[in-house]
Each structure stands twice: as C-alpha cells, then as structure tokens.
C-alpha cells in the first residue's frame, strides 16, 4: 500500500519523473525550438452583390429656348405667294429668276414695303412674235424700300386698285396667279424676279438679275429679314445699271405680208347683134 501510494503520488507530482516533462508543449516552446510558427490567414469579406437599381425619374428638361434668327436688315419681307402650297425652282436654268408653282387664283403679294412701279394688265404676248417685253404676260413690279425691284409675272389678274405710284406693304395682295404670257401652255405659276429699277425699254433687266431662291427659302422658312439688297448692288456694279441683253433676247421675225393678188377680171365677151331679114 505504501509503495502504491508512492507511485501514485509520483505520477501526480508536478515534477513528474525525472527527465520527463508532463506538461503539453506550448507554441512558444516550439518556436524556441526552431519549429515553424503557425500562420493566421485573414479571409476577405465577401463583396455584397449590389441590388438591381430601379428606374430613376429624371426631372424633365425645360423646353428649348427659341432664338430668333439674326436680323440681317431693317426690312421685313413676305413670301410672294400667300395662302397656298408652293413649289419653286432652286437652281439656275436659263435666267436668274424662278418659277413658283401654285394653283390658279392664289394671291401674289408684295415681298416688301415699297411702291408699285410698272403694271401690265393686258396680255400682249403672241407666239408668232414672242416679243421679250411681253413674255411675262400680266405683271406688276414693286420698288421696295430696300431699293430692289421685284417682278411678279404670268398673272391671271391684277388687283383693280394696283397702279404705278401706289404705296404697298409687305404681304399686300397685288394680283392672282395664272399662266398669261408665254406660260399659256403650262400650269399656273408666278414668274418671280429680282433686279433694280431701270428704264422700261431695258425689259431684260426687269425679268431678273439676282438669283432669288436663297431669299425665298429664308422668307418662307423663318428668316424674314434676309435682304437681297447687297447682292443686287454687287451685281449692278459688276454689269452696270443698263447692261445689254445677252440671253433670250431676239423676238421672232414678223412675217412679211405677201401682196394679195388681184383676181383676174373676166374677159369681156364680144357682143353679137343678130340682124333679122328685111
């Protein structure tokens, strides 16, 4: 019993058996003994998946600010055909003018404030002679306050109050569109031309010296202040105020009348008197 107690006590002794340690080895002792140290790994936190974004109500933008076109001149212009659908040539064909196609009876109006210069209420054009001065048929010209002359030709009618010297305003009705003059075999249209004031004998100036379609585009599509005055003066300075006619100038020769041949007089028959017997 005594021996057993001694053995048991020896086993329970902190010192244990000489030369044999009873405590579990610590990490410090292992490190000190040259054993590899433990490594503590730090795991990254999982990135949270963003939740799908819902539609964001964006504030409505302010309406666009309408900026008026630049004011090119002090004059305000009107498209020369009022109240009707139109179509017109936008390139040079033969003469620097344009043909504005519109229904018969549509209004031809003054393009600008000014004064009526020439009025022709009679259709004098004949295909047999094709005189240049008569080709536009019934027409009205206006000398604008901008110094430019505007022609509206091939009219069906001229407004009854329109006469030379009449003061008119932009948009004022001057006549109705038709196909007088050498347009008699075409659809109704307005012969529109831009030039400068000249003597009526210089009819080729009246029929057009400045290409008009850029100005028509502006007046029709929102820039009523684009003026042809500067271009008109530039052309006049280049050609002179009284240039000679170079395009479509000649009229047809007037046919000479052949002398009518007098009908031959019938020969007088010889009168025979029959005498009776005695």
C-alpha atoms as a PDB file:
ATOM      1  CA  UNK A   1       0.000   0.000   0.000  1.00  0.00           C
ATOM      2  CA  UNK A   2       2.807   2.278   0.907  1.00  0.00           C
ATOM      3  CA  UNK A   3       4.525   1.579  -2.442  1.00  0.00           C
ATOM      4  CA  UNK A   4       1.399   2.117  -4.387  1.00  0.00           C
ATOM      5  CA  UNK A   5       0.805   5.404  -2.766  1.00  0.00           C
ATOM      6  CA  UNK A   6       4.286   6.490  -3.542  1.00  0.00           C
ATOM      7  CA  UNK A   7       3.886   5.605  -7.244  1.00  0.00           C
ATOM      8  CA  UNK A   8       0.600   7.357  -7.488  1.00  0.00           C
ATOM      9  CA  UNK A   9       1.907  10.393  -5.811  1.00  0.00           C
ATOM     10  CA  UNK A  10       4.849  10.400  -8.093  1.00  0.00           C
ATOM     11  CA  UNK A  11       2.628  10.384 -11.112  1.00  0.00           C
ATOM     12  CA  UNK A  12       0.593  13.208  -9.685  1.00  0.00           C
ATOM     13  CA  UNK A  13       3.630  15.256  -8.789  1.00  0.00           C
ATOM     14  CA  UNK A  14       4.153  18.327 -10.808  1.00  0.00           C
ATOM     15  CA  UNK A  15       7.689  17.446 -11.287  1.00  0.00           C
ATOM     16  CA  UNK A  16       6.856  14.034 -12.599  1.00  0.00           C
ATOM     17  CA  UNK A  17       9.535  11.531 -13.298  1.00  0.00           C
ATOM     18  CA  UNK A  18      12.971  12.979 -13.578  1.00  0.00           C
ATOM     19  CA  UNK A  19      13.815  13.815 -17.156  1.00  0.00           C
ATOM     20  CA  UNK A  20      10.285  13.560 -18.447  1.00  0.00           C
ATOM     21  CA  UNK A  21       8.042  16.606 -18.692  1.00  0.00           C
ATOM     22  CA  UNK A  22       4.407  16.141 -18.051  1.00  0.00           C
ATOM     23  CA  UNK A  23       3.006  19.490 -19.397  1.00  0.00           C
ATOM     24  CA  UNK A  24       1.881  19.815 -23.046  1.00  0.00           C
ATOM     25  CA  UNK A  25       4.364  21.735 -25.184  1.00  0.00           C
ATOM     26  CA  UNK A  26       3.405  25.345 -25.917  1.00  0.00           C
ATOM     27  CA  UNK A  27       3.755  27.230 -29.231  1.00  0.00           C
ATOM     28  CA  UNK A  28       6.382  29.361 -27.625  1.00  0.00           C
ATOM     29  CA  UNK A  29       8.485  26.382 -26.788  1.00  0.00           C
ATOM     30  CA  UNK A  30       8.094  25.051 -30.329  1.00  0.00           C
ATOM     31  CA  UNK A  31       9.155  28.343 -31.791  1.00  0.00           C
ATOM     32  CA  UNK A  32      12.038  28.490 -29.473  1.00  0.00           C
ATOM     33  CA  UNK A  33      12.995  25.007 -30.520  1.00  0.00           C
ATOM     34  CA  UNK A  34      13.103  26.047 -34.171  1.00  0.00           C
ATOM     35  CA  UNK A  35       9.709  24.606 -35.215  1.00  0.00           C
ATOM     36  CA  UNK A  36       7.764  26.627 -37.774  1.00  0.00           C
ATOM     37  CA  UNK A  37       5.377  29.209 -36.339  1.00  0.00           C
ATOM     38  CA  UNK A  38       1.699  28.970 -37.145  1.00  0.00           C
ATOM     39  CA  UNK A  39       0.285  31.425 -39.709  1.00  0.00           C
ATOM     40  CA  UNK A  40      -3.069  33.061 -39.174  1.00  0.00           C
ATOM     41  CA  UNK A  41      -4.831  33.771 -42.557  1.00  0.00           C
ATOM     42  CA  UNK A  42      -7.275  36.637 -42.840  1.00  0.00           C
ATOM     43  CA  UNK A  43     -10.168  35.779 -45.186  1.00  0.00           C
ATOM     44  CA  UNK A  44     -11.517  38.743 -47.199  1.00  0.00           C
ATOM     45  CA  UNK A  45     -15.078  39.596 -46.590  1.00  0.00           C
ATOM     46  CA  UNK A  46     -17.431  38.704 -49.405  1.00  0.00           C
ATOM     47  CA  UNK A  47     -18.337  41.648 -51.617  1.00  0.00           C
ATOM     48  CA  UNK A  48     -22.074  42.114 -51.453  1.00  0.00           C
ATOM     49  CA  UNK A  49     -23.864  41.882 -54.786  1.00  0.00           C
ATOM     50  CA  UNK A  50     -25.488  45.242 -55.460  1.00  0.00           C
ATOM     51  CA  UNK A  51     -29.200  45.145 -55.648  1.00  0.00           C
ATOM     52  CA  UNK A  52     -30.639  45.935 -59.088  1.00  0.00           C
ATOM     53  CA  UNK A  53     -31.333  49.645 -59.455  1.00  0.00           C
ATOM     54  CA  UNK A  54     -34.840  50.703 -60.014  1.00  0.00           C
ATOM     55  CA  UNK A  55     -35.714  53.266 -62.722  1.00  0.00           C
ATOM     56  CA  UNK A  56     -34.910  56.790 -61.637  1.00  0.00           C
ATOM     57  CA  UNK A  57     -37.361  59.523 -62.502  1.00  0.00           C
ATOM     58  CA  UNK A  58     -35.226  62.207 -64.051  1.00  0.00           C
ATOM     59  CA  UNK A  59     -36.528  65.724 -63.969  1.00  0.00           C
ATOM     60  CA  UNK A  60     -37.963  66.898 -67.248  1.00  0.00           C
ATOM     61  CA  UNK A  61     -35.810  69.329 -69.182  1.00  0.00           C
ATOM     62  CA  UNK A  62     -37.015  72.820 -69.811  1.00  0.00           C
ATOM     63  CA  UNK A  63     -38.438  73.415 -73.275  1.00  0.00           C
ATOM     64  CA  UNK A  64     -35.863  74.637 -75.805  1.00  0.00           C
ATOM     65  CA  UNK A  65     -35.357  78.353 -75.959  1.00  0.00           C
ATOM     66  CA  UNK A  66     -36.364  79.620 -79.380  1.00  0.00           C
ATOM     67  CA  UNK A  67     -33.725  82.047 -80.542  1.00  0.00           C
ATOM     68  CA  UNK A  68     -34.930  84.345 -83.303  1.00  0.00           C
ATOM     69  CA  UNK A  69     -32.854  84.347 -86.490  1.00  0.00           C
ATOM     70  CA  UNK A  70     -30.311  87.100 -86.799  1.00  0.00           C
ATOM     71  CA  UNK A  71     -31.714  90.347 -88.069  1.00  0.00           C
ATOM     72  CA  UNK A  72     -29.903  90.867 -91.335  1.00  0.00           C
ATOM     73  CA  UNK A  73     -31.619  94.079 -92.385  1.00  0.00           C
ATOM     74  CA  UNK A  74     -34.079  96.654 -91.156  1.00  0.00           C
ATOM     75  CA  UNK A  75     -36.674  95.450 -93.672  1.00  0.00           C
ATOM     76  CA  UNK A  76     -39.181  92.666 -93.126  1.00  0.00           C
ATOM     77  CA  UNK A  77     -40.046  90.502 -96.130  1.00  0.00           C
ATOM     78  CA  UNK A  78     -43.003  88.325 -97.096  1.00  0.00           C
ATOM     79  CA  UNK A  79     -43.011  85.268 -99.322  1.00  0.00           C
ATOM     80  CA  UNK A  80     -44.607  86.430-102.603  1.00  0.00           C
ATOM     81  CA  UNK A  81     -47.364  83.773-102.654  1.00  0.00           C
ATOM     82  CA  UNK A  82     -49.899  83.873 -99.848  1.00  0.00           C
ATOM     83  CA  UNK A  83     -52.199  81.165 -98.519  1.00  0.00           C
ATOM     84  CA  UNK A  84     -51.309  78.393-100.990  1.00  0.00           C
ATOM     85  CA  UNK A  85     -48.994  75.419-101.245  1.00  0.00           C
ATOM     86  CA  UNK A  86     -45.995  76.226-103.432  1.00  0.00           C
ATOM     87  CA  UNK A  87     -43.036  74.624-105.116  1.00  0.00           C
ATOM     88  CA  UNK A  88     -40.280  76.503-106.869  1.00  0.00           C
ATOM     89  CA  UNK A  89     -37.063  76.014-108.764  1.00  0.00           C
ATOM     90  CA  UNK A  90     -33.884  76.396-106.705  1.00  0.00           C
ATOM     91  CA  UNK A  91     -31.238  76.392-109.392  1.00  0.00           C
ATOM     92  CA  UNK A  92     -30.226  78.416-112.405  1.00  0.00           C
ATOM     93  CA  UNK A  93     -31.787  77.118-115.591  1.00  0.00           C
ATOM     94  CA  UNK A  94     -31.532  79.903-118.150  1.00  0.00           C
ATOM     95  CA  UNK A  95     -32.181  83.206-116.417  1.00  0.00           C
ATOM     96  CA  UNK A  96     -31.564  84.277-112.796  1.00  0.00           C
ATOM     97  CA  UNK A  97     -35.243  84.048-111.822  1.00  0.00           C
ATOM     98  CA  UNK A  98     -37.538  81.350-110.526  1.00  0.00           C
ATOM     99  CA  UNK A  99     -40.912  79.849-111.319  1.00  0.00           C
ATOM    100  CA  UNK A 100     -43.133  79.446-108.256  1.00  0.00           C
ATOM    101  CA  UNK A 101     -45.747  76.796-108.997  1.00  0.00           C
ATOM    102  CA  UNK A 102     -49.066  77.427-107.289  1.00  0.00           C
ATOM    103  CA  UNK A 103     -52.755  76.990-108.009  1.00  0.00           C
ATOM    104  CA  UNK A 104     -54.510  79.415-110.289  1.00  0.00           C
ATOM    105  CA  UNK A 105     -56.065  82.274-108.363  1.00  0.00           C
ATOM    106  CA  UNK A 106     -53.568  82.179-105.481  1.00  0.00           C
ATOM    107  CA  UNK A 107     -52.513  85.618-104.297  1.00  0.00           C
ATOM    108  CA  UNK A 108     -49.342  87.311-105.447  1.00  0.00           C
ATOM    109  CA  UNK A 109     -48.310  89.705-102.679  1.00  0.00           C
ATOM    110  CA  UNK A 110     -45.700  92.412-102.351  1.00  0.00           C
ATOM    111  CA  UNK A 111     -42.488  90.972-100.890  1.00  0.00           C
ATOM    112  CA  UNK A 112     -41.652  94.194 -99.016  1.00  0.00           C
ATOM    113  CA  UNK A 113     -42.894  97.658 -98.249  1.00  0.00           C
ATOM    114  CA  UNK A 114     -42.484  99.857-101.287  1.00  0.00           C
ATOM    115  CA  UNK A 115     -44.126 101.450-104.300  1.00  0.00           C
ATOM    116  CA  UNK A 116     -45.667  99.949-107.415  1.00  0.00           C
ATOM    117  CA  UNK A 117     -43.525 100.757-110.447  1.00  0.00           C
ATOM    118  CA  UNK A 118     -44.931  99.034-113.560  1.00  0.00           C
ATOM    119  CA  UNK A 119     -48.310  97.452-114.164  1.00  0.00           C
ATOM    120  CA  UNK A 120     -49.362  95.490-117.233  1.00  0.00           C
ATOM    121  CA  UNK A 121     -52.999  94.426-117.164  1.00  0.00           C
ATOM    122  CA  UNK A 122     -53.145  93.228-120.769  1.00  0.00           C
ATOM    123  CA  UNK A 123     -51.691  90.000-122.067  1.00  0.00           C
ATOM    124  CA  UNK A 124     -49.862  91.135-125.202  1.00  0.00           C
ATOM    125  CA  UNK A 125     -47.705  88.072-125.810  1.00  0.00           C
ATOM    126  CA  UNK A 126     -48.178  86.196-129.074  1.00  0.00           C
ATOM    127  CA  UNK A 127     -46.356  83.020-130.050  1.00  0.00           C
ATOM    128  CA  UNK A 128     -45.999  84.309-133.577  1.00  0.00           C
ATOM    129  CA  UNK A 129     -43.742  87.175-132.433  1.00  0.00           C
ATOM    130  CA  UNK A 130     -42.522  86.096-128.943  1.00  0.00           C
ATOM    131  CA  UNK A 131     -41.501  89.624-128.003  1.00  0.00           C
ATOM    132  CA  UNK A 132     -39.259  89.635-124.959  1.00  0.00           C
ATOM    133  CA  UNK A 133     -41.054  92.554-123.341  1.00  0.00           C
ATOM    134  CA  UNK A 134     -44.350  90.628-123.469  1.00  0.00           C
ATOM    135  CA  UNK A 135     -43.256  87.188-122.254  1.00  0.00           C
ATOM    136  CA  UNK A 136     -44.314  87.711-118.628  1.00  0.00           C
ATOM    137  CA  UNK A 137     -47.890  88.496-119.698  1.00  0.00           C
ATOM    138  CA  UNK A 138     -49.735  90.400-116.988  1.00  0.00           C
ATOM    139  CA  UNK A 139     -47.275  91.562-114.363  1.00  0.00           C
ATOM    140  CA  UNK A 140     -46.626  94.002-111.530  1.00  0.00           C
ATOM    141  CA  UNK A 141     -43.274  95.343-110.354  1.00  0.00           C
ATOM    142  CA  UNK A 142     -42.554  96.904-106.963  1.00  0.00           C
ATOM    143  CA  UNK A 143     -39.608  99.090-105.999  1.00  0.00           C
ATOM    144  CA  UNK A 144     -39.025  98.162-102.381  1.00  0.00           C
ATOM    145  CA  UNK A 145     -37.897 100.497 -99.639  1.00  0.00           C
ATOM    146  CA  UNK A 146     -34.699  98.433 -99.782  1.00  0.00           C
ATOM    147  CA  UNK A 147     -34.027  99.792-103.307  1.00  0.00           C
ATOM    148  CA  UNK A 148     -34.681  96.447-105.001  1.00  0.00           C
ATOM    149  CA  UNK A 149     -37.173  95.821-107.805  1.00  0.00           C
ATOM    150  CA  UNK A 150     -39.417  92.748-107.591  1.00  0.00           C
ATOM    151  CA  UNK A 151     -41.418  91.329-110.504  1.00  0.00           C
ATOM    152  CA  UNK A 152     -44.431  89.031-110.362  1.00  0.00           C
ATOM    153  CA  UNK A 153     -45.485  87.835-113.799  1.00  0.00           C
ATOM    154  CA  UNK A 154     -47.773  85.333-115.588  1.00  0.00           C
ATOM    155  CA  UNK A 155     -50.650  86.773-113.547  1.00  0.00           C
ATOM    156  CA  UNK A 156     -54.234  85.885-114.309  1.00  0.00           C
ATOM    157  CA  UNK A 157     -55.482  89.197-112.924  1.00  0.00           C
ATOM    158  CA  UNK A 158     -54.023  92.361-111.463  1.00  0.00           C
ATOM    159  CA  UNK A 159     -55.786  93.735-108.396  1.00  0.00           C
ATOM    160  CA  UNK A 160     -58.012  96.614-109.565  1.00  0.00           C
ATOM    161  CA  UNK A 161     -56.541  99.176-107.160  1.00  0.00           C
ATOM    162  CA  UNK A 162     -52.940  98.457-108.196  1.00  0.00           C
ATOM    163  CA  UNK A 163     -51.427 101.227-110.299  1.00  0.00           C
ATOM    164  CA  UNK A 164     -47.996 102.833-110.700  1.00  0.00           C
ATOM    165  CA  UNK A 165     -47.134 105.001-107.714  1.00  0.00           C
ATOM    166  CA  UNK A 166     -49.349 103.092-105.272  1.00  0.00           C
ATOM    167  CA  UNK A 167     -47.787 102.663-101.843  1.00  0.00           C
ATOM    168  CA  UNK A 168     -47.911  98.994-100.745  1.00  0.00           C
ATOM    169  CA  UNK A 169     -46.928  96.967 -97.697  1.00  0.00           C
ATOM    170  CA  UNK A 170     -45.234  93.588 -97.412  1.00  0.00           C
ATOM    171  CA  UNK A 171     -47.901  90.898 -97.850  1.00  0.00           C
ATOM    172  CA  UNK A 172     -50.377  93.163 -99.647  1.00  0.00           C
ATOM    173  CA  UNK A 173     -52.200  91.416-102.500  1.00  0.00           C
ATOM    174  CA  UNK A 174     -51.195  92.683-105.947  1.00  0.00           C
ATOM    175  CA  UNK A 175     -52.853  90.098-108.192  1.00  0.00           C
ATOM    176  CA  UNK A 176     -53.811  86.477-108.782  1.00  0.00           C
ATOM    177  CA  UNK A 177     -51.554  83.789-110.182  1.00  0.00           C
ATOM    178  CA  UNK A 178     -52.273  82.433-113.649  1.00  0.00           C
ATOM    179  CA  UNK A 179     -50.409  81.484-116.816  1.00  0.00           C
ATOM    180  CA  UNK A 180     -50.521  84.552-119.014  1.00  0.00           C
ATOM    181  CA  UNK A 181     -47.712  85.413-121.385  1.00  0.00           C
ATOM    182  CA  UNK A 182     -45.553  82.628-122.740  1.00  0.00           C
ATOM    183  CA  UNK A 183     -46.738  80.344-119.897  1.00  0.00           C
ATOM    184  CA  UNK A 184     -50.113  79.795-121.544  1.00  0.00           C
ATOM    185  CA  UNK A 185     -49.319  76.142-122.305  1.00  0.00           C
ATOM    186  CA  UNK A 186     -48.082  75.380-118.754  1.00  0.00           C
ATOM    187  CA  UNK A 187     -49.677  75.043-115.339  1.00  0.00           C
ATOM    188  CA  UNK A 188     -50.340  78.243-113.423  1.00  0.00           C
ATOM    189  CA  UNK A 189     -47.269  79.788-111.825  1.00  0.00           C
ATOM    190  CA  UNK A 190     -45.669  83.014-110.684  1.00  0.00           C
ATOM    191  CA  UNK A 191     -42.684  84.350-112.573  1.00  0.00           C
ATOM    192  CA  UNK A 192     -40.638  85.904-109.764  1.00  0.00           C
ATOM    193  CA  UNK A 193     -37.561  88.025-110.396  1.00  0.00           C
ATOM    194  CA  UNK A 194     -35.239  90.401-108.526  1.00  0.00           C
ATOM    195  CA  UNK A 195     -33.426  93.289-110.195  1.00  0.00           C
ATOM    196  CA  UNK A 196     -33.120  97.068-109.945  1.00  0.00           C
ATOM    197  CA  UNK A 197     -35.131  99.962-111.328  1.00  0.00           C
ATOM    198  CA  UNK A 198     -34.337 100.619-114.974  1.00  0.00           C
ATOM    199  CA  UNK A 199     -35.969 102.171-117.998  1.00  0.00           C
ATOM    200  CA  UNK A 200     -38.881 100.083-119.315  1.00  0.00           C
ATOM    201  CA  UNK A 201     -37.028  99.668-122.597  1.00  0.00           C
ATOM    202  CA  UNK A 202     -34.494  97.533-120.714  1.00  0.00           C
ATOM    203  CA  UNK A 203     -37.035  94.755-120.252  1.00  0.00           C
ATOM    204  CA  UNK A 204     -34.286  92.141-119.836  1.00  0.00           C
ATOM    205  CA  UNK A 205     -33.243  93.776-116.555  1.00  0.00           C
ATOM    206  CA  UNK A 206     -36.795  93.597-115.245  1.00  0.00           C
ATOM    207  CA  UNK A 207     -37.060  89.857-115.902  1.00  0.00           C
ATOM    208  CA  UNK A 208     -34.303  89.031-113.371  1.00  0.00           C
ATOM    209  CA  UNK A 209     -30.672  89.790-112.474  1.00  0.00           C
ATOM    210  CA  UNK A 210     -30.278  88.220-108.997  1.00  0.00           C
ATOM    211  CA  UNK A 211     -30.837  84.546-108.162  1.00  0.00           C
ATOM    212  CA  UNK A 212     -33.842  84.652-105.817  1.00  0.00           C
ATOM    213  CA  UNK A 213     -34.197  81.199-104.232  1.00  0.00           C
ATOM    214  CA  UNK A 214     -31.955  81.744-101.182  1.00  0.00           C
ATOM    215  CA  UNK A 215     -34.123  84.705-100.206  1.00  0.00           C
ATOM    216  CA  UNK A 216     -37.335  82.804-100.904  1.00  0.00           C
ATOM    217  CA  UNK A 217     -36.086  79.970 -98.662  1.00  0.00           C
ATOM    218  CA  UNK A 218     -35.385  82.425 -95.856  1.00  0.00           C
ATOM    219  CA  UNK A 219     -38.706  84.269 -96.135  1.00  0.00           C
ATOM    220  CA  UNK A 220     -40.650  81.009 -96.294  1.00  0.00           C
ATOM    221  CA  UNK A 221     -38.786  79.150 -93.526  1.00  0.00           C
ATOM    222  CA  UNK A 222     -38.397  81.693 -90.771  1.00  0.00           C
ATOM    223  CA  UNK A 223     -35.918  84.463 -91.558  1.00  0.00           C
ATOM    224  CA  UNK A 224     -37.989  87.379 -92.844  1.00  0.00           C
ATOM    225  CA  UNK A 225     -35.105  89.858 -92.644  1.00  0.00           C
ATOM    226  CA  UNK A 226     -32.703  88.330 -95.161  1.00  0.00           C
ATOM    227  CA  UNK A 227     -32.334  91.071 -97.781  1.00  0.00           C
ATOM    228  CA  UNK A 228     -31.172  90.807-101.408  1.00  0.00           C
ATOM    229  CA  UNK A 229     -30.176  94.486-101.451  1.00  0.00           C
ATOM    230  CA  UNK A 230     -26.426  93.921-101.046  1.00  0.00           C
ATOM    231  CA  UNK A 231     -26.281  91.230-103.714  1.00  0.00           C
ATOM    232  CA  UNK A 232     -28.391  93.342-106.059  1.00  0.00           C
ATOM    233  CA  UNK A 233     -25.972  96.256-105.735  1.00  0.00           C
ATOM    234  CA  UNK A 234     -22.994  93.972-106.252  1.00  0.00           C
ATOM    235  CA  UNK A 235     -24.475  92.597-109.487  1.00  0.00           C
ATOM    236  CA  UNK A 236     -25.404  96.076-110.714  1.00  0.00           C
ATOM    237  CA  UNK A 237     -21.880  97.331-110.023  1.00  0.00           C
ATOM    238  CA  UNK A 238     -20.489  94.404-111.983  1.00  0.00           C
ATOM    239  CA  UNK A 239     -22.779  94.645-115.027  1.00  0.00           C
ATOM    240  CA  UNK A 240     -23.647  98.337-114.977  1.00  0.00           C
ATOM    241  CA  UNK A 241     -27.097  99.768-114.431  1.00  0.00           C
ATOM    242  CA  UNK A 242     -28.012  99.350-118.124  1.00  0.00           C
ATOM    243  CA  UNK A 243     -26.401  96.104-119.298  1.00  0.00           C
ATOM    244  CA  UNK A 244     -27.062  94.823-122.782  1.00  0.00           C
ATOM    245  CA  UNK A 245     -29.269  91.796-123.302  1.00  0.00           C
ATOM    246  CA  UNK A 246     -27.297  88.567-123.789  1.00  0.00           C
ATOM    247  CA  UNK A 247     -29.818  85.725-123.222  1.00  0.00           C
ATOM    248  CA  UNK A 248     -33.155  85.073-124.957  1.00  0.00           C
ATOM    249  CA  UNK A 249     -33.131  88.499-126.499  1.00  0.00           C
ATOM    250  CA  UNK A 250     -34.419  88.081-130.026  1.00  0.00           C
ATOM    251  CA  UNK A 251     -38.060  88.070-130.960  1.00  0.00           C
ATOM    252  CA  UNK A 252     -39.399  86.077-133.826  1.00  0.00           C
ATOM    253  CA  UNK A 253     -39.274  87.937-137.100  1.00  0.00           C
ATOM    254  CA  UNK A 254     -42.542  89.478-138.034  1.00  0.00           C
ATOM    255  CA  UNK A 255     -43.762  87.677-141.129  1.00  0.00           C
ATOM    256  CA  UNK A 256     -43.956  89.938-144.098  1.00  0.00           C
ATOM    257  CA  UNK A 257     -47.304  90.086-145.738  1.00  0.00           C
ATOM    258  CA  UNK A 258     -47.308  88.939-149.290  1.00  0.00           C
ATOM    259  CA  UNK A 259     -49.147  91.281-151.640  1.00  0.00           C
ATOM    260  CA  UNK A 260     -52.529  89.911-152.358  1.00  0.00           C
ATOM    261  CA  UNK A 261     -53.018  89.035-155.990  1.00  0.00           C
ATOM    262  CA  UNK A 262     -55.974  90.718-157.539  1.00  0.00           C
ATOM    263  CA  UNK A 263     -58.375  88.314-159.155  1.00  0.00           C
ATOM    264  CA  UNK A 264     -58.211  88.421-162.905  1.00  0.00           C
ATOM    265  CA  UNK A 265     -61.082  90.292-164.455  1.00  0.00           C
ATOM    266  CA  UNK A 266     -63.138  88.184-166.802  1.00  0.00           C
ATOM    267  CA  UNK A 267     -62.683  88.994-170.436  1.00  0.00           C
ATOM    268  CA  UNK A 268     -65.482  90.998-171.950  1.00  0.00           C
ATOM    269  CA  UNK A 269     -67.440  88.908-174.321  1.00  0.00           C
ATOM    270  CA  UNK A 270     -67.962  90.242-177.837  1.00  0.00           C
ATOM    271  CA  UNK A 271     -71.487  91.263-178.238  1.00  0.00           C
ATOM    272  CA  UNK A 272     -73.028  89.887-181.380  1.00  0.00           C
ATOM    273  CA  UNK A 273     -76.101  91.501-182.792  1.00  0.00           C
ATOM    274  CA  UNK A 274     -78.149  89.225-184.834  1.00  0.00           C
ATOM    275  CA  UNK A 275     -79.879  91.098-187.527  1.00  0.00           C
ATOM    276  CA  UNK A 276     -83.180  89.919-188.935  1.00  0.00           C
ATOM    277  CA  UNK A 277     -84.047  89.598-192.503  1.00  0.00           C
ATOM    278  CA  UNK A 278     -85.641  92.522-194.223  1.00  0.00           C
END
